[in-house]
């Protein structure tokens, strides 16, 4: 299994997706929380897959 390498885009994930996820949990909107969690995981995976220079 390959190691995930996180680039500088992790900051974008933590700020935008993390805050949105926390807001969804706070308002107890579980569908929106699941959506943000899925979008965040796809974003992190895509960031780890792109070739590093």
Protein backbone atom coordinates (compact mmCIF):
# COMPACT_ATOMS: atom_id res chain seq x y z
CA UNK A 1 0.00 0.00 0.00
CA UNK A 2 1.34 3.41 -0.97
CA UNK A 3 1.81 6.09 1.63
CA UNK A 4 -0.38 9.16 1.26
CA UNK A 5 1.66 12.28 0.61
CA UNK A 6 -0.19 15.43 1.52
CA UNK A 7 0.68 18.66 -0.24
CA UNK A 8 -0.07 22.26 0.63
CA UNK A 9 -3.71 21.76 -0.34
CA UNK A 10 -4.31 20.09 3.02
CA UNK A 11 -4.65 23.60 4.46
CA UNK A 12 -7.57 24.25 2.13
CA UNK A 13 -9.13 20.99 3.29
CA UNK A 14 -8.75 21.83 6.96
CA UNK A 15 -10.11 25.34 6.62
CA UNK A 16 -13.04 24.93 4.26
CA UNK A 17 -14.13 21.31 4.47
CA UNK A 18 -13.33 21.05 8.18
CA UNK A 19 -15.34 24.13 9.11
CA UNK A 20 -18.24 23.03 6.90
CA UNK A 21 -18.20 19.59 8.48
CA UNK A 22 -18.18 21.05 11.99
CA UNK A 23 -21.08 23.32 11.11
CA UNK A 24 -23.05 20.36 9.75
CA UNK A 25 -22.43 18.40 12.97
CA UNK A 26 -23.40 21.41 15.07
CA UNK A 27 -26.70 21.82 13.25
CA UNK A 28 -27.22 18.02 13.35
CA UNK A 29 -27.72 17.86 9.61
CA UNK A 30 -26.33 14.36 9.12
CA UNK A 31 -26.84 14.23 5.35
CA UNK A 32 -24.83 17.42 4.87
CA UNK A 33 -22.17 16.14 7.30
CA UNK A 34 -21.83 12.93 5.27
CA UNK A 35 -21.61 14.95 2.06
CA UNK A 36 -18.79 17.16 3.38
CA UNK A 37 -16.94 14.17 4.78
CA UNK A 38 -17.13 12.38 1.42
CA UNK A 39 -16.08 15.50 -0.53
CA UNK A 40 -13.18 16.06 1.86
CA UNK A 41 -11.94 12.49 1.54
CA UNK A 42 -12.12 12.63 -2.26
CA UNK A 43 -10.23 15.94 -2.20
CA UNK A 44 -7.46 14.52 0.02
CA UNK A 45 -7.17 11.38 -2.08
CA UNK A 46 -6.95 13.37 -5.31
CA UNK A 47 -4.28 15.61 -3.76
CA UNK A 48 -2.25 12.55 -2.74
CA UNK A 49 -2.50 10.94 -6.21
CA UNK A 50 -1.23 13.81 -8.32
CA UNK A 51 2.48 13.56 -9.16
CA UNK A 52 4.81 15.64 -7.01
CA UNK A 53 7.59 17.58 -8.66
